[in-house]
Amino acid sequence: MADLGVDDVQPDFVTVHYGSTRTAEDICRFVSAKLSSAAVHGGSSCRGVMTGQGAATSTGGGIGAFAIWDKKGSFGTALVPLGHSPRAAAARAAREALDRAGRPGEVPDLIWLTSAPGNEEQALDGIRDVIGHSALIIGGSSADNKVSGGWSQFTRDTCATDSVVVSVLFPSVPFGYAFENGYAPTDRRGTITEASGRSVRQIDGRPAAQVYAEWTCGRIDMPDTGRRSILAPATLFPLGRLSHHLDGIPFHLLAHPAVAHADGTLDFFADLKTGQDIWLMEGTEESLVSRAARIASLSREQLAGGDIGGALMIYCGGCMLAIEHRIGEVPQGVSRALDGAPFLGVFSFGEQGETLNGCSEHGNLMISCITFGTGAPFTAATAHRKPT
């Protein structure tokens, strides 16, 4: 596994992510043969990954690893099928990960989460059932290359397609963290008046799809019959839920419209609730290209000038697809912001992170960055490669 940045000295924690032309079974088999003691966390990523070497997305099968060597730290990982209760599955995974880290009953400094898309809010609740609401949970939902359900997850021991993977991290070095988006609110806003889970039927008492079409000035075609995927054109026009204010500036948690129905219903990649106030948000190609570097900078600022050991970034797969022709600029900017420290970027179909209100939440079209400091015996490394 040396070509993925893991040498003969066993790391203590490794997270591996890959485009969905690769299978979790093959990667799990390979990793199991190479790593006998590391906590191994894995999940598919839309079209590939990015590192300081650039983006590995052109073939749909790029693969990358982020490895930590930290004998003073503690790390544990567990995978549990979501089954009939994603909340219970995530709680079980959290307990097993703590046991494998040798820290049962403790609150980890950081939880790294990968779940199959669809039940992320319940997974967050399950982890909080075990660790409490102060838990810092950071993650990205596993993704595939075509939004067709071809995502997967794995650990050193097993692989699956509809599971939750939880890693608990107790690193011996400080770390910084940021979770934001690259969108701005417009003056078009309303209140959800009928919703269930991830389906919104009415906004301001009117069919949701009709309101959304008006807000977007007809840029997104709505179906006359049946249903239509609007995932791609809606990428620059998500809905935002107010999360918090900072110095009077509002910050929003985003929900990505995915499917429009002829009856006026809109389906999203996040849960929405009746009574929530929502804003039409607007992004640009330039904001999606440049924002990741800014978020990396915000994360590293929390290290108070200390050296950077390495970083993990979650970047929404929908945003990546919207700017795929410019995706090479994103890791260049992130690398500059991190002074060339190793980092791994994952392209997800849902993002989980802590907002400034102190709670870890699930959103869409978001970006997060964890920046680890340095100090003996902590080291980190990343690498990627494309399939041959």
Protein backbone atom coordinates (compact mmCIF):
# COMPACT_ATOMS: atom_id res chain seq x y z
CA MET A 1 0.00 0.00 0.00
CA ALA A 2 3.05 2.22 -0.26
CA ASP A 3 1.67 3.86 -3.41
CA LEU A 4 -1.19 5.23 -1.31
CA GLY A 5 1.14 6.85 1.18
CA VAL A 6 1.19 4.02 3.74
CA ASP A 7 4.66 2.58 4.33
CA ASP A 8 5.89 -0.51 6.18
CA VAL A 9 5.33 1.10 9.60
CA GLN A 10 1.71 0.41 10.48
CA PRO A 11 -0.35 3.60 10.80
CA ASP A 12 -2.81 3.97 13.65
CA PHE A 13 -5.67 5.29 11.53
CA VAL A 14 -6.35 5.22 7.78
CA THR A 15 -9.34 6.54 5.87
CA VAL A 16 -9.64 5.43 2.22
CA HIS A 17 -12.01 6.90 -0.38
CA TYR A 18 -12.52 5.99 -4.04
CA GLY A 19 -14.61 6.49 -7.15
CA SER A 20 -17.40 3.96 -7.58
CA THR A 21 -15.88 2.18 -10.57
CA ARG A 22 -13.90 0.42 -7.85
CA THR A 23 -15.58 -2.10 -5.55
CA ALA A 24 -15.46 -2.04 -1.77
CA GLU A 25 -14.79 -5.79 -1.80
CA ASP A 26 -11.55 -5.39 -3.74
CA ILE A 27 -10.34 -2.49 -1.62
CA CYS A 28 -11.29 -4.22 1.64
CA ARG A 29 -9.39 -7.34 0.56
CA PHE A 30 -6.33 -5.30 -0.37
CA VAL A 31 -6.36 -3.22 2.81
CA SER A 32 -6.87 -6.27 5.03
CA ALA A 33 -3.78 -7.87 3.52
CA LYS A 34 -1.65 -4.76 4.12
CA LEU A 35 -2.91 -3.42 7.45
CA SER A 36 -3.16 -5.69 10.45
CA SER A 37 -3.62 -3.21 13.28
CA ALA A 38 -4.79 0.16 11.95
CA ALA A 39 -8.31 1.47 12.43
CA VAL A 40 -9.49 1.50 8.79
CA HIS A 41 -12.39 3.65 7.61
CA GLY A 42 -13.60 3.58 4.01
CA GLY A 43 -16.30 4.89 1.71
CA SER A 44 -16.93 5.67 -1.94
CA SER A 45 -16.55 9.22 -3.23
CA CYS A 46 -18.12 10.80 -6.33
CA ARG A 47 -15.74 10.13 -9.24
CA GLY A 48 -12.62 9.98 -7.03
CA VAL A 49 -10.69 12.21 -4.63
CA MET A 50 -8.37 15.19 -4.45
CA THR A 51 -5.05 15.73 -2.68
CA GLY A 52 -2.13 18.10 -2.93
CA GLN A 53 -1.22 16.22 -6.10
CA GLY A 54 -4.44 17.44 -7.73
CA ALA A 55 -7.86 15.96 -8.50
CA ALA A 56 -8.23 12.29 -9.46
CA THR A 57 -11.72 12.38 -10.99
CA SER A 58 -11.34 12.06 -14.74
CA THR A 59 -11.72 8.27 -14.88
CA GLY A 60 -14.29 7.86 -12.10
CA GLY A 61 -12.01 5.47 -10.22
CA GLY A 62 -9.46 7.64 -8.43
CA ILE A 63 -8.54 6.42 -4.95
CA GLY A 64 -6.82 8.13 -2.04
CA ALA A 65 -5.82 7.48 1.55
CA PHE A 66 -5.15 9.67 4.57
CA ALA A 67 -3.02 7.94 7.19
CA ILE A 68 -2.16 8.98 10.74
CA TRP A 69 0.71 7.66 12.85
CA ASP A 70 0.08 8.68 16.46
CA LYS A 71 1.08 6.23 19.19
CA LYS A 72 -0.05 8.63 21.91
CA GLY A 73 -3.51 8.86 20.39
CA SER A 74 -6.36 6.37 20.26
CA PHE A 75 -8.46 5.40 17.24
CA GLY A 76 -11.30 2.96 16.63
CA THR A 77 -13.65 2.20 13.74
CA ALA A 78 -16.82 0.15 13.34
CA LEU A 79 -19.30 -0.58 10.53
CA VAL A 80 -22.93 -1.51 11.16
CA PRO A 81 -25.70 -2.09 8.54
CA LEU A 82 -28.36 0.62 8.74
CA GLY A 83 -31.20 -1.94 8.73
CA HIS A 84 -34.60 -0.85 9.97
CA SER A 85 -33.21 1.66 12.48
CA PRO A 86 -30.37 3.90 11.27
CA ARG A 87 -30.34 5.58 14.68
CA ALA A 88 -29.78 2.30 16.52
CA ALA A 89 -27.17 1.23 13.95
CA ALA A 90 -25.16 4.43 14.40
CA ALA A 91 -25.36 4.11 18.18
CA ARG A 92 -24.05 0.56 17.99
CA ALA A 93 -21.25 1.63 15.64
CA ALA A 94 -20.23 4.42 18.04
CA ARG A 95 -20.08 2.01 20.99
CA GLU A 96 -18.07 -0.56 19.04
CA ALA A 97 -15.66 2.09 17.77
CA LEU A 98 -15.03 3.31 21.32
CA ASP A 99 -14.42 -0.27 22.47
CA ARG A 100 -11.94 -0.83 19.64
CA ALA A 101 -10.14 2.38 20.55
CA GLY A 102 -9.83 1.13 24.11
CA ARG A 103 -11.82 4.15 25.34
CA PRO A 104 -15.33 2.85 26.21
CA GLY A 105 -17.57 5.41 27.87
CA GLU A 106 -15.37 8.36 26.90
CA VAL A 107 -16.14 11.29 24.61
CA PRO A 108 -13.78 11.38 21.61
CA ASP A 109 -12.25 14.62 20.41
CA LEU A 110 -13.58 13.95 16.93
CA ILE A 111 -15.92 11.52 15.17
CA TRP A 112 -15.36 10.80 11.45
CA LEU A 113 -18.59 9.58 9.84
CA THR A 114 -19.46 7.89 6.55
CA SER A 115 -23.03 6.73 5.97
CA ALA A 116 -25.07 5.60 3.01
CA PRO A 117 -27.22 8.56 1.86
CA GLY A 118 -30.78 8.90 3.07
CA ASN A 119 -30.75 8.66 6.85
CA GLU A 120 -27.97 10.99 7.97
CA GLU A 121 -30.07 12.89 10.52
CA GLN A 122 -30.95 9.62 12.28
CA ALA A 123 -27.31 8.53 12.22
CA LEU A 124 -26.30 11.77 13.94
CA ASP A 125 -28.99 11.21 16.57
CA GLY A 126 -27.69 7.69 17.21
CA ILE A 127 -24.13 8.86 17.77
CA ARG A 128 -25.37 11.57 20.12
CA ASP A 129 -27.35 8.94 22.05
CA VAL A 130 -24.01 7.38 22.97
CA ILE A 131 -21.62 10.31 23.20
CA GLY A 132 -23.85 13.30 23.93
CA HIS A 133 -24.78 16.47 22.10
CA SER A 134 -21.33 18.01 22.57
CA ALA A 135 -19.85 15.41 20.20
CA LEU A 136 -17.99 16.92 17.25
CA ILE A 137 -19.22 14.81 14.31
CA ILE A 138 -17.70 15.45 10.90
CA GLY A 139 -18.43 13.44 7.80
CA GLY A 140 -19.58 13.00 4.27
CA SER A 141 -22.16 10.56 2.96
CA SER A 142 -20.76 7.91 0.63
CA ALA A 143 -21.34 8.68 -3.04
CA ASP A 144 -21.20 7.13 -6.48
CA ASN A 145 -20.42 8.51 -9.92
CA LYS A 146 -23.95 8.74 -11.35
CA VAL A 147 -26.34 9.20 -8.38
CA SER A 148 -27.61 5.69 -9.07
CA GLY A 149 -27.13 4.03 -5.68
CA GLY A 150 -23.70 2.53 -6.41
CA TRP A 151 -22.07 3.78 -3.21
CA SER A 152 -20.31 1.57 -0.66
CA GLN A 153 -18.59 1.56 2.73
CA PHE A 154 -15.96 -0.65 4.36
CA THR A 155 -13.62 -1.26 7.27
CA ARG A 156 -10.65 -3.60 7.54
CA ASP A 157 -12.99 -6.51 8.30
CA THR A 158 -16.10 -6.00 6.19
CA CYS A 159 -17.76 -4.03 3.39
CA ALA A 160 -21.35 -3.04 2.61
CA THR A 161 -23.55 -0.79 0.48
CA ASP A 162 -26.11 0.42 3.04
CA SER A 163 -24.26 0.90 6.31
CA VAL A 164 -22.80 3.47 8.65
CA VAL A 165 -19.07 3.67 9.46
CA VAL A 166 -18.07 5.52 12.62
CA SER A 167 -14.49 6.30 13.62
CA VAL A 168 -13.62 7.82 16.98
CA LEU A 169 -10.41 9.85 17.11
CA PHE A 170 -8.44 10.85 20.19
CA PRO A 171 -5.40 12.50 18.52
CA SER A 172 -2.47 13.68 20.60
CA VAL A 173 -2.25 16.98 18.70
CA PRO A 174 -4.63 19.96 18.43
CA PHE A 175 -6.85 20.35 15.40
CA GLY A 176 -8.97 23.03 13.78
CA TYR A 177 -12.27 22.72 11.99
CA ALA A 178 -14.58 24.70 9.69
CA PHE A 179 -17.93 23.85 8.04
CA GLU A 180 -19.55 26.27 5.60
CA ASN A 181 -20.90 26.71 2.08
CA GLY A 182 -20.19 28.89 -0.92
CA TYR A 183 -23.70 30.28 -1.41
CA ALA A 184 -25.43 33.58 -0.62
CA PRO A 185 -29.10 34.11 0.32
CA THR A 186 -31.36 35.90 -2.13
CA ASP A 187 -34.37 38.04 -1.22
CA ARG A 188 -36.73 35.18 -2.13
CA ARG A 189 -37.93 33.45 1.00
CA GLY A 190 -40.93 31.62 2.39
CA THR A 191 -42.20 29.16 4.96
CA ILE A 192 -42.66 25.43 4.47
CA THR A 193 -46.35 24.74 5.08
CA GLU A 194 -46.41 21.01 4.32
CA ALA A 195 -43.48 18.61 4.49
CA SER A 196 -42.68 15.04 5.44
CA GLY A 197 -39.09 13.88 5.80
CA ARG A 198 -37.27 14.85 2.62
CA SER A 199 -40.37 15.74 0.62
CA VAL A 200 -41.83 19.26 0.61
CA ARG A 201 -45.32 19.58 -0.77
CA GLN A 202 -46.15 23.23 -0.05
CA ILE A 203 -44.33 26.51 0.48
CA ASP A 204 -46.50 29.42 1.66
CA GLY A 205 -49.56 27.25 1.03
CA ARG A 206 -48.71 26.69 -2.65
CA PRO A 207 -47.18 23.73 -4.52
CA ALA A 208 -43.49 23.73 -3.65
CA ALA A 209 -42.29 23.05 -7.20
CA GLN A 210 -44.33 25.98 -8.54
CA VAL A 211 -42.84 28.34 -5.94
CA TYR A 212 -39.33 27.08 -6.62
CA ALA A 213 -39.78 27.52 -10.38
CA GLU A 214 -40.87 31.13 -9.83
CA TRP A 215 -37.99 31.82 -7.44
CA THR A 216 -35.48 30.50 -9.99
CA CYS A 217 -37.10 32.53 -12.81
CA GLY A 218 -37.84 29.45 -14.92
CA ARG A 219 -34.23 28.27 -15.04
CA ILE A 220 -35.28 24.77 -13.93
CA ASP A 221 -37.88 22.85 -15.95
CA MET A 222 -40.69 21.24 -13.98
CA PRO A 223 -42.50 18.11 -15.22
CA ASP A 224 -46.05 18.17 -16.56
CA THR A 225 -46.43 14.49 -15.69
CA GLY A 226 -44.54 12.04 -13.51
CA ARG A 227 -41.25 13.15 -11.99
CA ARG A 228 -38.00 14.72 -13.16
CA SER A 229 -34.49 14.85 -11.70
CA ILE A 230 -33.45 18.46 -11.19
CA LEU A 231 -30.29 17.66 -9.26
CA ALA A 232 -27.84 19.18 -11.75
CA PRO A 233 -29.60 22.47 -12.57
CA ALA A 234 -30.60 22.97 -8.91
CA THR A 235 -26.98 22.78 -7.72
CA LEU A 236 -26.57 26.56 -7.93
CA PHE A 237 -30.02 27.19 -6.39
CA PRO A 238 -30.49 25.22 -3.15
CA LEU A 239 -32.75 26.19 -0.29
CA GLY A 240 -31.22 27.45 2.93
CA ARG A 241 -32.35 27.09 6.53
CA LEU A 242 -31.03 29.75 8.90
CA SER A 243 -28.45 28.15 11.19
CA HIS A 244 -26.98 31.08 13.12
CA HIS A 245 -25.74 34.65 12.92
CA LEU A 246 -22.13 35.78 13.26
CA ASP A 247 -21.59 39.51 13.73
CA GLY A 248 -25.02 40.06 12.26
CA ILE A 249 -24.30 37.95 9.18
CA PRO A 250 -26.71 35.01 8.63
CA PHE A 251 -25.33 31.54 7.96
CA HIS A 252 -27.48 28.86 6.34
CA LEU A 253 -27.57 25.08 6.25
CA LEU A 254 -28.40 24.00 2.72
CA ALA A 255 -30.85 21.47 1.26
CA HIS A 256 -30.35 20.36 -2.36
CA PRO A 257 -33.51 19.86 -4.47
CA ALA A 258 -33.22 16.49 -6.21
CA VAL A 259 -36.54 15.56 -7.83
CA ALA A 260 -39.59 17.57 -8.91
CA HIS A 261 -43.01 15.90 -9.20
CA ALA A 262 -45.89 16.98 -11.41
CA ASP A 263 -48.12 17.30 -8.31
CA GLY A 264 -45.84 20.08 -7.04
CA THR A 265 -43.78 18.08 -4.56
CA LEU A 266 -40.02 18.62 -4.29
CA ASP A 267 -37.69 15.93 -2.93
CA PHE A 268 -34.42 16.90 -1.25
CA PHE A 269 -31.21 15.33 0.04
CA ALA A 270 -31.95 16.54 3.58
CA ASP A 271 -34.90 16.50 5.96
CA LEU A 272 -37.09 19.61 6.04
CA LYS A 273 -39.90 20.45 8.43
CA THR A 274 -43.28 22.11 8.31
CA GLY A 275 -42.96 25.61 9.74
CA GLN A 276 -39.33 26.15 8.73
CA ASP A 277 -38.41 29.44 7.12
CA ILE A 278 -36.39 28.95 3.94
CA TRP A 279 -34.42 31.14 1.55
CA LEU A 280 -33.50 30.59 -2.05
CA MET A 281 -29.70 30.47 -2.05
CA GLU A 282 -27.53 31.24 -5.05
CA GLY A 283 -24.03 30.13 -5.90
CA THR A 284 -21.64 30.78 -8.73
CA GLU A 285 -18.98 28.71 -10.40
CA GLU A 286 -16.34 31.04 -9.01
CA SER A 287 -17.62 30.75 -5.44
CA LEU A 288 -17.59 26.95 -5.61
CA VAL A 289 -14.02 26.96 -6.94
CA SER A 290 -12.61 29.41 -4.39
CA ARG A 291 -14.55 28.61 -1.21
CA ALA A 292 -12.68 25.42 -0.29
CA ALA A 293 -9.42 27.31 0.15
CA ARG A 294 -11.14 29.84 2.40
CA ILE A 295 -12.58 27.08 4.57
CA ALA A 296 -9.17 25.41 4.79
CA SER A 297 -7.74 28.74 5.95
CA LEU A 298 -10.46 29.12 8.59
CA SER A 299 -9.67 25.64 9.86
CA ARG A 300 -5.91 26.19 10.09
CA GLU A 301 -6.40 29.53 11.88
CA GLN A 302 -7.61 27.57 14.90
CA LEU A 303 -4.13 26.09 15.25
CA ALA A 304 -2.97 29.56 16.36
CA GLY A 305 0.00 29.67 14.06
CA GLY A 306 1.14 26.10 14.71
CA ASP A 307 2.49 23.84 12.00
CA ILE A 308 0.06 21.69 10.01
CA GLY A 309 0.42 17.92 10.11
CA GLY A 310 -2.33 17.17 7.59
CA ALA A 311 -5.97 17.79 6.75
CA LEU A 312 -9.20 16.05 5.75
CA MET A 313 -11.72 17.86 3.56
CA ILE A 314 -15.30 17.04 2.66
CA TYR A 315 -16.45 18.73 -0.57
CA CYS A 316 -19.98 18.16 -1.86
CA GLY A 317 -20.07 15.85 -4.88
CA GLY A 318 -22.84 17.92 -6.46
CA CYS A 319 -20.65 21.02 -6.28
CA MET A 320 -17.75 19.06 -7.77
CA LEU A 321 -19.89 17.90 -10.71
CA ALA A 322 -21.05 21.49 -11.31
CA ILE A 323 -17.45 22.71 -11.69
CA GLU A 324 -15.79 19.50 -12.86
CA HIS A 325 -14.14 21.31 -15.76
CA ARG A 326 -12.35 23.48 -13.16
CA ILE A 327 -11.96 20.97 -10.34
CA GLY A 328 -8.17 21.04 -10.67
CA GLU A 329 -8.17 24.60 -9.31
CA VAL A 330 -9.77 23.51 -6.02
CA PRO A 331 -6.91 21.34 -4.64
CA GLN A 332 -4.41 23.96 -5.81
CA GLY A 333 -6.12 26.57 -3.64
CA VAL A 334 -6.50 24.24 -0.68
CA SER A 335 -2.85 23.24 -0.87
CA ARG A 336 -1.78 26.88 -0.82
CA ALA A 337 -4.03 27.57 2.16
CA LEU A 338 -2.46 24.62 4.02
CA ASP A 339 1.12 25.56 3.10
CA GLY A 340 1.51 22.33 1.15
CA ALA A 341 0.61 20.03 4.06
CA PRO A 342 -0.84 16.64 3.00
CA PHE A 343 -4.61 16.55 2.67
CA LEU A 344 -7.30 14.26 1.31
CA GLY A 345 -10.54 15.60 -0.16
CA VAL A 346 -13.67 13.44 -0.42
CA PHE A 347 -16.64 14.20 -2.72
CA SER A 348 -19.81 13.31 -0.81
CA PHE A 349 -23.58 13.17 -1.31
CA GLY A 350 -24.35 14.85 2.01
CA GLU A 351 -22.20 16.66 4.54
CA GLN A 352 -22.20 16.53 8.33
CA GLY A 353 -20.47 19.06 10.53
CA GLU A 354 -20.73 21.36 13.51
CA THR A 355 -22.24 24.79 12.96
CA LEU A 356 -21.52 27.75 15.21
CA ASN A 357 -24.63 26.94 17.23
CA GLY A 358 -22.58 24.07 18.70
CA CYS A 359 -24.47 21.15 17.17
CA SER A 360 -23.37 18.77 14.41
CA GLU A 361 -25.96 18.76 11.62
CA HIS A 362 -26.56 17.32 8.16
CA GLY A 363 -26.65 19.55 5.08
CA ASN A 364 -26.02 19.55 1.34
CA LEU A 365 -23.62 21.44 -0.92
CA MET A 366 -21.37 22.11 2.06
CA ILE A 367 -17.58 22.01 2.58
CA SER A 368 -15.69 21.07 5.74
CA CYS A 369 -12.03 20.88 6.67
CA ILE A 370 -10.25 19.31 9.64
CA THR A 371 -6.67 20.52 10.05
CA PHE A 372 -4.41 18.55 12.37
CA GLY A 373 -1.44 20.13 14.11
CA THR A 374 1.96 18.55 14.55
CA GLY A 375 3.99 17.15 17.40
CA ALA A 376 5.90 13.96 18.07
CA PRO A 377 4.90 11.24 17.56
CA PHE A 378 2.10 12.47 15.24
CA THR A 379 2.59 12.36 11.47
CA ALA A 380 0.12 12.18 8.59
CA ALA A 381 0.38 11.42 4.90
CA THR A 382 -1.91 11.37 1.90
CA ALA A 383 -1.63 10.19 -1.68
CA HIS A 384 -3.88 9.29 -4.57
CA ARG A 385 -3.65 7.45 -7.83
CA LYS A 386 -5.83 6.83 -10.85
CA PRO A 387 -6.63 3.33 -12.08
CA THR A 388 -4.22 1.95 -14.63
